[in-house]
Amino acid sequence: CTGTAVGNTCSFTCSTGYTGGGTLTCGSDGTWSQSGSCTAVSCSTPGTPSNANTPSCTGTAVGSTCSFTCNTGYTGSGTLTCGSDGTWSQSGSCTAVSCSTPSTPSNANTPSCTGTAVGSTCSFTCSTGYTGSGTLTCGSDGTWSQSGSCT
């Protein structure tokens, strides 16, 4: 402040989480008049993180959080937090599920695979002396399912 006499001014800034500012002026009646104000910062509605479901939010005010889960075929989860600067920060993420290298089914030759990502397939033929054939499919839970067998 420049003092407390009539006409003197005090400038003010806003606390973290608010924007704006202003001036207080000492009036001839001994009271302060205010010009300017502080407005609470808020975040816009957040976008959906990569490979995630639409977040569930507590609001858009500073400190509000949004939680998210991952789409089928992805694993993980996370949280978005509204910061004092009005932007969302993300912790956690969604990563693609994959299957490990499959084991060879009973009485079968080593499978021939298209990959280990969800939806990938491995075909197998039967060892000498056995009949049949089959396919292994990588599921969204990261495990192989088998159709067909060698008997």
N, C-alpha and C. Protein backbone atom coordinates (compact mmCIF):
# COMPACT_ATOMS: atom_id res chain seq x y z
N CYS A 1 0.84 -1.20 0.00
CA CYS A 1 0.00 0.00 0.00
C CYS A 1 0.88 1.25 0.00
N THR A 2 0.31 2.32 -0.55
CA THR A 2 1.05 3.58 -0.55
C THR A 2 0.77 4.37 0.72
N GLY A 3 -0.12 3.87 1.55
CA GLY A 3 -0.47 4.53 2.81
C GLY A 3 -1.94 4.37 3.09
N THR A 4 -2.40 5.07 4.17
CA THR A 4 -3.80 4.95 4.55
C THR A 4 -4.54 6.28 4.47
N ALA A 5 -3.94 7.26 3.83
CA ALA A 5 -4.60 8.55 3.65
C ALA A 5 -5.59 8.47 2.49
N VAL A 6 -6.51 9.40 2.46
CA VAL A 6 -7.50 9.46 1.38
C VAL A 6 -6.77 9.51 0.04
N GLY A 7 -7.19 8.62 -0.90
CA GLY A 7 -6.60 8.56 -2.22
C GLY A 7 -5.46 7.56 -2.35
N ASN A 8 -4.96 7.09 -1.23
CA ASN A 8 -3.89 6.09 -1.31
C ASN A 8 -4.46 4.75 -1.79
N THR A 9 -3.59 3.92 -2.37
CA THR A 9 -4.04 2.65 -2.95
C THR A 9 -3.24 1.46 -2.43
N CYS A 10 -3.89 0.31 -2.52
CA CYS A 10 -3.24 -0.98 -2.25
C CYS A 10 -3.58 -1.89 -3.42
N SER A 11 -2.56 -2.52 -3.96
CA SER A 11 -2.80 -3.49 -5.03
C SER A 11 -2.92 -4.87 -4.41
N PHE A 12 -3.71 -5.72 -5.03
CA PHE A 12 -3.80 -7.10 -4.54
C PHE A 12 -3.71 -8.08 -5.70
N THR A 13 -3.13 -9.22 -5.38
CA THR A 13 -3.06 -10.32 -6.34
C THR A 13 -3.92 -11.45 -5.78
N CYS A 14 -4.19 -12.43 -6.61
CA CYS A 14 -5.08 -13.51 -6.21
C CYS A 14 -4.29 -14.73 -5.74
N SER A 15 -4.89 -15.48 -4.85
CA SER A 15 -4.29 -16.70 -4.33
C SER A 15 -4.19 -17.75 -5.43
N THR A 16 -3.36 -18.75 -5.20
CA THR A 16 -3.24 -19.87 -6.12
C THR A 16 -4.62 -20.48 -6.34
N GLY A 17 -4.94 -20.77 -7.58
CA GLY A 17 -6.25 -21.32 -7.92
C GLY A 17 -7.25 -20.26 -8.33
N TYR A 18 -6.80 -19.00 -8.33
CA TYR A 18 -7.67 -17.89 -8.73
C TYR A 18 -6.92 -17.02 -9.73
N THR A 19 -7.66 -16.31 -10.59
CA THR A 19 -7.06 -15.37 -11.53
C THR A 19 -7.63 -13.99 -11.30
N GLY A 20 -6.91 -12.98 -11.74
CA GLY A 20 -7.37 -11.61 -11.61
C GLY A 20 -6.47 -10.83 -10.68
N GLY A 21 -7.03 -9.83 -10.06
CA GLY A 21 -6.30 -8.94 -9.16
C GLY A 21 -6.98 -7.59 -9.20
N GLY A 22 -6.41 -6.62 -8.49
CA GLY A 22 -7.04 -5.31 -8.51
C GLY A 22 -6.40 -4.34 -7.54
N THR A 23 -7.17 -3.30 -7.23
CA THR A 23 -6.68 -2.20 -6.39
C THR A 23 -7.76 -1.81 -5.39
N LEU A 24 -7.32 -1.46 -4.19
CA LEU A 24 -8.19 -0.88 -3.18
C LEU A 24 -7.78 0.58 -3.04
N THR A 25 -8.76 1.48 -2.99
CA THR A 25 -8.48 2.92 -2.87
C THR A 25 -9.18 3.45 -1.63
N CYS A 26 -8.42 4.23 -0.83
CA CYS A 26 -8.98 4.81 0.38
C CYS A 26 -9.84 6.01 0.00
N GLY A 27 -11.12 5.92 0.35
CA GLY A 27 -12.06 6.99 -0.01
C GLY A 27 -12.12 8.09 1.04
N SER A 28 -12.75 9.23 0.68
CA SER A 28 -12.85 10.39 1.57
C SER A 28 -13.67 10.09 2.81
N ASP A 29 -14.47 9.02 2.76
CA ASP A 29 -15.26 8.65 3.94
C ASP A 29 -14.50 7.66 4.83
N GLY A 30 -13.26 7.35 4.47
CA GLY A 30 -12.45 6.46 5.30
C GLY A 30 -12.63 4.98 4.99
N THR A 31 -13.38 4.65 3.95
CA THR A 31 -13.54 3.24 3.59
C THR A 31 -12.78 2.96 2.30
N TRP A 32 -12.46 1.70 2.13
CA TRP A 32 -11.73 1.27 0.94
C TRP A 32 -12.73 0.85 -0.14
N SER A 33 -12.49 1.25 -1.36
CA SER A 33 -13.31 0.78 -2.49
C SER A 33 -12.42 -0.12 -3.36
N GLN A 34 -13.04 -1.08 -3.93
CA GLN A 34 -12.29 -2.11 -4.67
C GLN A 34 -12.58 -2.02 -6.15
N SER A 35 -11.52 -2.11 -6.95
CA SER A 35 -11.69 -2.31 -8.40
C SER A 35 -10.92 -3.58 -8.74
N GLY A 36 -11.55 -4.44 -9.51
CA GLY A 36 -10.95 -5.74 -9.83
C GLY A 36 -11.45 -6.80 -8.88
N SER A 37 -11.16 -8.05 -9.22
CA SER A 37 -11.61 -9.16 -8.38
C SER A 37 -10.81 -10.42 -8.70
N CYS A 38 -11.06 -11.45 -7.94
CA CYS A 38 -10.44 -12.75 -8.15
C CYS A 38 -11.52 -13.75 -8.55
N THR A 39 -11.22 -14.55 -9.55
CA THR A 39 -12.15 -15.55 -10.03
C THR A 39 -11.50 -16.93 -9.93
N ALA A 40 -12.26 -17.88 -9.42
CA ALA A 40 -11.73 -19.24 -9.27
C ALA A 40 -11.37 -19.83 -10.63
N VAL A 41 -10.20 -20.45 -10.70
CA VAL A 41 -9.77 -21.15 -11.91
C VAL A 41 -10.55 -22.46 -12.00
N SER A 42 -10.92 -22.87 -13.19
CA SER A 42 -11.50 -24.20 -13.38
C SER A 42 -10.94 -24.78 -14.67
N CYS A 43 -11.03 -26.06 -14.78
CA CYS A 43 -10.58 -26.76 -15.97
C CYS A 43 -11.77 -27.01 -16.89
N SER A 44 -11.51 -27.08 -18.17
CA SER A 44 -12.57 -27.46 -19.10
C SER A 44 -12.84 -28.95 -18.93
N THR A 45 -13.90 -29.44 -19.54
CA THR A 45 -14.19 -30.87 -19.48
C THR A 45 -12.99 -31.61 -20.09
N PRO A 46 -12.45 -32.62 -19.40
CA PRO A 46 -11.25 -33.27 -19.91
C PRO A 46 -11.55 -34.16 -21.12
N GLY A 47 -10.54 -34.35 -21.94
CA GLY A 47 -10.64 -35.31 -23.03
C GLY A 47 -10.46 -36.72 -22.46
N THR A 48 -10.66 -37.70 -23.29
CA THR A 48 -10.49 -39.08 -22.88
C THR A 48 -9.06 -39.52 -23.16
N PRO A 49 -8.35 -40.02 -22.16
CA PRO A 49 -6.98 -40.49 -22.39
C PRO A 49 -6.93 -41.60 -23.44
N SER A 50 -5.78 -41.78 -24.06
CA SER A 50 -5.60 -42.80 -25.09
C SER A 50 -5.99 -44.18 -24.61
N ASN A 51 -6.80 -44.86 -25.40
CA ASN A 51 -7.22 -46.24 -25.15
C ASN A 51 -7.99 -46.42 -23.83
N ALA A 52 -8.65 -45.34 -23.38
CA ALA A 52 -9.40 -45.38 -22.12
C ALA A 52 -10.89 -45.14 -22.36
N ASN A 53 -11.68 -45.50 -21.36
CA ASN A 53 -13.10 -45.18 -21.35
C ASN A 53 -13.27 -43.72 -20.93
N THR A 54 -14.44 -43.14 -21.18
CA THR A 54 -14.70 -41.76 -20.78
C THR A 54 -14.50 -41.61 -19.27
N PRO A 55 -13.72 -40.61 -18.84
CA PRO A 55 -13.45 -40.45 -17.40
C PRO A 55 -14.71 -40.09 -16.60
N SER A 56 -14.71 -40.50 -15.33
CA SER A 56 -15.76 -40.15 -14.39
C SER A 56 -15.19 -39.09 -13.45
N CYS A 57 -15.81 -37.89 -13.45
CA CYS A 57 -15.22 -36.73 -12.76
C CYS A 57 -16.03 -36.26 -11.56
N THR A 58 -15.31 -35.67 -10.59
CA THR A 58 -15.94 -35.06 -9.42
C THR A 58 -16.31 -33.61 -9.68
N GLY A 59 -15.83 -33.03 -10.77
CA GLY A 59 -16.10 -31.64 -11.12
C GLY A 59 -14.98 -31.10 -11.98
N THR A 60 -14.96 -29.75 -12.16
CA THR A 60 -13.91 -29.12 -12.96
C THR A 60 -13.17 -28.03 -12.19
N ALA A 61 -13.43 -27.89 -10.89
CA ALA A 61 -12.73 -26.91 -10.07
C ALA A 61 -11.31 -27.40 -9.78
N VAL A 62 -10.44 -26.48 -9.41
CA VAL A 62 -9.07 -26.85 -9.04
C VAL A 62 -9.12 -27.92 -7.96
N GLY A 63 -8.36 -28.98 -8.16
CA GLY A 63 -8.32 -30.10 -7.20
C GLY A 63 -9.29 -31.22 -7.54
N SER A 64 -10.22 -30.97 -8.47
CA SER A 64 -11.15 -32.03 -8.87
C SER A 64 -10.40 -33.15 -9.57
N THR A 65 -10.95 -34.34 -9.49
CA THR A 65 -10.30 -35.48 -10.12
C THR A 65 -11.28 -36.22 -11.03
N CYS A 66 -10.71 -36.92 -12.00
CA CYS A 66 -11.46 -37.78 -12.90
C CYS A 66 -10.73 -39.11 -12.93
N SER A 67 -11.46 -40.19 -12.76
CA SER A 67 -10.82 -41.51 -12.84
C SER A 67 -11.21 -42.16 -14.15
N PHE A 68 -10.28 -42.98 -14.69
CA PHE A 68 -10.58 -43.67 -15.92
C PHE A 68 -10.10 -45.11 -15.86
N THR A 69 -10.81 -45.94 -16.62
CA THR A 69 -10.43 -47.34 -16.80
C THR A 69 -10.09 -47.52 -18.27
N CYS A 70 -9.52 -48.65 -18.60
CA CYS A 70 -9.04 -48.87 -19.97
C CYS A 70 -10.02 -49.65 -20.81
N ASN A 71 -9.96 -49.40 -22.11
CA ASN A 71 -10.79 -50.14 -23.07
C ASN A 71 -10.42 -51.62 -23.05
N THR A 72 -11.33 -52.44 -23.55
CA THR A 72 -11.05 -53.87 -23.70
C THR A 72 -9.80 -54.05 -24.54
N GLY A 73 -8.94 -54.94 -24.12
CA GLY A 73 -7.69 -55.18 -24.83
C GLY A 73 -6.54 -54.34 -24.29
N TYR A 74 -6.83 -53.51 -23.28
CA TYR A 74 -5.81 -52.67 -22.65
C TYR A 74 -5.86 -52.87 -21.15
N THR A 75 -4.74 -52.64 -20.50
CA THR A 75 -4.68 -52.80 -19.05
C THR A 75 -4.18 -51.51 -18.41
N GLY A 76 -4.56 -51.29 -17.17
CA GLY A 76 -4.17 -50.08 -16.45
C GLY A 76 -5.39 -49.29 -16.03
N SER A 77 -5.13 -48.12 -15.48
CA SER A 77 -6.17 -47.17 -15.08
C SER A 77 -5.45 -45.89 -14.71
N GLY A 78 -6.20 -44.87 -14.34
CA GLY A 78 -5.52 -43.63 -13.97
C GLY A 78 -6.46 -42.57 -13.47
N THR A 79 -5.85 -41.41 -13.21
CA THR A 79 -6.56 -40.27 -12.65
C THR A 79 -6.11 -39.00 -13.36
N LEU A 80 -7.05 -38.10 -13.61
CA LEU A 80 -6.76 -36.76 -14.11
C LEU A 80 -7.03 -35.81 -12.95
N THR A 81 -6.17 -34.80 -12.74
CA THR A 81 -6.36 -33.84 -11.65
C THR A 81 -6.32 -32.43 -12.22
N CYS A 82 -7.31 -31.61 -11.85
CA CYS A 82 -7.37 -30.22 -12.31
C CYS A 82 -6.38 -29.39 -11.50
N GLY A 83 -5.41 -28.81 -12.21
CA GLY A 83 -4.37 -28.02 -11.55
C GLY A 83 -4.75 -26.56 -11.39
N SER A 84 -4.00 -25.82 -10.57
CA SER A 84 -4.28 -24.41 -10.30
C SER A 84 -4.09 -23.53 -11.53
N ASP A 85 -3.46 -24.08 -12.58
CA ASP A 85 -3.30 -23.34 -13.83
C ASP A 85 -4.44 -23.61 -14.82
N GLY A 86 -5.43 -24.43 -14.41
CA GLY A 86 -6.58 -24.72 -15.26
C GLY A 86 -6.34 -25.84 -16.26
N THR A 87 -5.27 -26.61 -16.07
CA THR A 87 -5.02 -27.75 -16.97
C THR A 87 -5.09 -29.05 -16.19
N TRP A 88 -5.41 -30.12 -16.90
CA TRP A 88 -5.49 -31.45 -16.30
C TRP A 88 -4.13 -32.12 -16.35
N SER A 89 -3.73 -32.76 -15.26
CA SER A 89 -2.52 -33.58 -15.28
C SER A 89 -2.97 -35.04 -15.13
N GLN A 90 -2.26 -35.92 -15.79
CA GLN A 90 -2.64 -37.34 -15.82
C GLN A 90 -1.62 -38.20 -15.10
N SER A 91 -2.13 -39.10 -14.27
CA SER A 91 -1.28 -40.15 -13.71
C SER A 91 -1.92 -41.48 -14.11
N GLY A 92 -1.09 -42.42 -14.52
CA GLY A 92 -1.58 -43.70 -15.00
C GLY A 92 -1.82 -43.67 -16.50
N SER A 93 -1.96 -44.84 -17.09
CA SER A 93 -2.17 -44.94 -18.53
C SER A 93 -2.72 -46.32 -18.88
N CYS A 94 -3.03 -46.48 -20.14
CA CYS A 94 -3.55 -47.75 -20.65
C CYS A 94 -2.55 -48.33 -21.64
N THR A 95 -2.16 -49.57 -21.42
CA THR A 95 -1.22 -50.23 -22.33
C THR A 95 -1.88 -51.48 -22.91
N ALA A 96 -1.52 -51.77 -24.14
CA ALA A 96 -2.11 -52.90 -24.84
C ALA A 96 -1.79 -54.21 -24.13
N VAL A 97 -2.81 -55.05 -24.01
CA VAL A 97 -2.63 -56.39 -23.46
C VAL A 97 -1.98 -57.23 -24.55
N SER A 98 -1.08 -58.10 -24.17
CA SER A 98 -0.53 -59.06 -25.13
C SER A 98 -0.40 -60.40 -24.42
N CYS A 99 -0.30 -61.42 -25.21
CA CYS A 99 -0.12 -62.77 -24.68
C CYS A 99 1.36 -63.13 -24.75
N SER A 100 1.80 -63.96 -23.84
CA SER A 100 3.16 -64.45 -23.91
C SER A 100 3.24 -65.46 -25.07
N THR A 101 4.44 -65.88 -25.40
CA THR A 101 4.59 -66.90 -26.43
C THR A 101 3.83 -68.15 -25.98
N PRO A 102 2.96 -68.69 -26.85
CA PRO A 102 2.14 -69.82 -26.40
C PRO A 102 2.96 -71.11 -26.27
N SER A 103 2.51 -71.95 -25.38
CA SER A 103 3.12 -73.28 -25.29
C SER A 103 2.51 -74.16 -26.39
N THR A 104 3.24 -75.18 -26.77
CA THR A 104 2.77 -76.08 -27.82
C THR A 104 1.69 -77.00 -27.26
N PRO A 105 0.54 -77.07 -27.91
CA PRO A 105 -0.53 -77.96 -27.43
C PRO A 105 -0.05 -79.43 -27.42
N SER A 106 -0.72 -80.25 -26.64
CA SER A 106 -0.38 -81.67 -26.54
C SER A 106 -0.41 -82.35 -27.90
N ASN A 107 0.62 -83.12 -28.19
CA ASN A 107 0.73 -83.92 -29.41
C ASN A 107 0.74 -83.09 -30.68
N ALA A 108 1.14 -81.80 -30.58
CA ALA A 108 1.13 -80.91 -31.75
C ALA A 108 2.55 -80.45 -32.07
N ASN A 109 2.70 -79.98 -33.30
CA ASN A 109 3.95 -79.34 -33.71
C ASN A 109 3.94 -77.90 -33.19
N THR A 110 5.11 -77.26 -33.18
CA THR A 110 5.21 -75.87 -32.72
C THR A 110 4.25 -75.00 -33.53
N PRO A 111 3.42 -74.20 -32.85
CA PRO A 111 2.44 -73.36 -33.56
C PRO A 111 3.11 -72.28 -34.41
N SER A 112 2.43 -71.88 -35.48
CA SER A 112 2.85 -70.77 -36.32
C SER A 112 1.94 -69.58 -36.00
N CYS A 113 2.53 -68.49 -35.51
CA CYS A 113 1.73 -67.38 -34.98
C CYS A 113 1.84 -66.11 -35.81
N THR A 114 0.76 -65.30 -35.76
CA THR A 114 0.73 -63.99 -36.42
C THR A 114 1.25 -62.90 -35.48
N GLY A 115 1.43 -63.20 -34.20
CA GLY A 115 1.91 -62.24 -33.22
C GLY A 115 1.42 -62.61 -31.84
N THR A 116 1.57 -61.67 -30.89
CA THR A 116 1.12 -61.92 -29.52
C THR A 116 0.13 -60.86 -29.03
N ALA A 117 -0.29 -59.94 -29.91
CA ALA A 117 -1.27 -58.92 -29.54
C ALA A 117 -2.66 -59.56 -29.44
N VAL A 118 -3.56 -58.90 -28.74
CA VAL A 118 -4.94 -59.38 -28.63
C VAL A 118 -5.50 -59.59 -30.04
N GLY A 119 -6.11 -60.75 -30.26
CA GLY A 119 -6.68 -61.09 -31.56
C GLY A 119 -5.74 -61.88 -32.45
N SER A 120 -4.46 -61.93 -32.09
CA SER A 120 -3.50 -62.72 -32.88
C SER A 120 -3.85 -64.19 -32.79
N THR A 121 -3.47 -64.92 -33.82
CA THR A 121 -3.76 -66.35 -33.85
C THR A 121 -2.49 -67.15 -34.11
N CYS A 122 -2.52 -68.40 -33.66
CA CYS A 122 -1.45 -69.37 -33.93
C CYS A 122 -2.14 -70.63 -34.44
N SER A 123 -1.68 -71.13 -35.54
CA SER A 123 -2.25 -72.38 -36.04
C SER A 123 -1.26 -73.50 -35.75
N PHE A 124 -1.81 -74.67 -35.49
CA PHE A 124 -0.93 -75.81 -35.25
C PHE A 124 -1.44 -77.05 -35.98
N THR A 125 -0.47 -77.88 -36.34
CA THR A 125 -0.77 -79.19 -36.94
C THR A 125 -0.32 -80.24 -35.94
N CYS A 126 -0.73 -81.45 -36.17
CA CYS A 126 -0.46 -82.51 -35.20
C CYS A 126 0.84 -83.26 -35.53
N SER A 127 1.46 -83.74 -34.48
CA SER A 127 2.68 -84.55 -34.61
C SER A 127 2.35 -85.83 -35.36
N THR A 128 3.37 -86.44 -35.93
CA THR A 128 3.21 -87.70 -36.66
C THR A 128 2.51 -88.73 -35.75
N GLY A 129 1.51 -89.39 -36.30
CA GLY A 129 0.77 -90.39 -35.55
C GLY A 129 -0.49 -89.85 -34.90
N TYR A 130 -0.71 -88.53 -35.00
CA TYR A 130 -1.91 -87.92 -34.40
C TYR A 130 -2.70 -87.21 -35.50
N THR A 131 -4.00 -87.08 -35.29
CA THR A 131 -4.85 -86.42 -36.29
C THR A 131 -5.48 -85.17 -35.68
N GLY A 132 -5.87 -84.26 -36.56
CA GLY A 132 -6.52 -83.03 -36.14
C GLY A 132 -5.62 -81.83 -36.42
N SER A 133 -6.06 -80.70 -35.98
CA SER A 133 -5.31 -79.44 -36.09
C SER A 133 -6.05 -78.43 -35.22
N GLY A 134 -5.55 -77.22 -35.14
CA GLY A 134 -6.26 -76.26 -34.33
C GLY A 134 -5.67 -74.86 -34.40
N THR A 135 -6.29 -74.00 -33.61
CA THR A 135 -5.89 -72.59 -33.56
C THR A 135 -5.87 -72.13 -32.11
N LEU A 136 -4.90 -71.29 -31.81
CA LEU A 136 -4.83 -70.59 -30.52
C LEU A 136 -5.13 -69.13 -30.81
N THR A 137 -5.94 -68.48 -29.97
CA THR A 137 -6.29 -67.07 -30.16
C THR A 137 -5.96 -66.30 -28.89
N CYS A 138 -5.26 -65.17 -29.05
CA CYS A 138 -4.91 -64.32 -27.90
C CYS A 138 -6.13 -63.51 -27.49
N GLY A 139 -6.59 -63.70 -26.26
CA GLY A 139 -7.78 -63.01 -25.76
C GLY A 139 -7.47 -61.69 -25.09
N SER A 140 -8.50 -60.88 -24.85
CA SER A 140 -8.33 -59.56 -24.26
C SER A 140 -7.83 -59.62 -22.82
N ASP A 141 -7.85 -60.80 -22.22
CA ASP A 141 -7.32 -60.96 -20.86
C ASP A 141 -5.86 -61.41 -20.87
N GLY A 142 -5.25 -61.52 -22.08
CA GLY A 142 -3.85 -61.90 -22.17
C GLY A 142 -3.59 -63.39 -22.13
N THR A 143 -4.63 -64.19 -22.29
CA THR A 143 -4.44 -65.64 -22.30
C THR A 143 -4.83 -66.21 -23.66
N TRP A 144 -4.24 -67.35 -23.99
CA TRP A 144 -4.54 -68.03 -25.25
C TRP A 144 -5.72 -68.97 -25.05
N SER A 145 -6.65 -68.97 -26.00
CA SER A 145 -7.72 -69.97 -25.99
C SER A 145 -7.48 -70.90 -27.18
N GLN A 146 -7.79 -72.15 -26.97
CA GLN A 146 -7.51 -73.17 -27.99
C GLN A 146 -8.80 -73.72 -28.57
N SER A 147 -8.82 -73.83 -29.89
CA SER A 147 -9.89 -74.58 -30.55
C SER A 147 -9.21 -75.65 -31.39
N GLY A 148 -9.73 -76.84 -31.34
CA GLY A 148 -9.12 -77.95 -32.04
C GLY A 148 -8.12 -78.68 -31.14
N SER A 149 -7.76 -79.89 -31.55
CA SER A 149 -6.81 -80.67 -30.75
C SER A 149 -6.20 -81.76 -31.62
N CYS A 150 -5.24 -82.46 -31.05
CA CYS A 150 -4.59 -83.58 -31.72
C CYS A 150 -4.89 -84.86 -30.92
N THR A 151 -5.47 -85.84 -31.61
CA THR A 151 -5.81 -87.09 -30.92
C THR A 151 -5.16 -88.28 -31.61
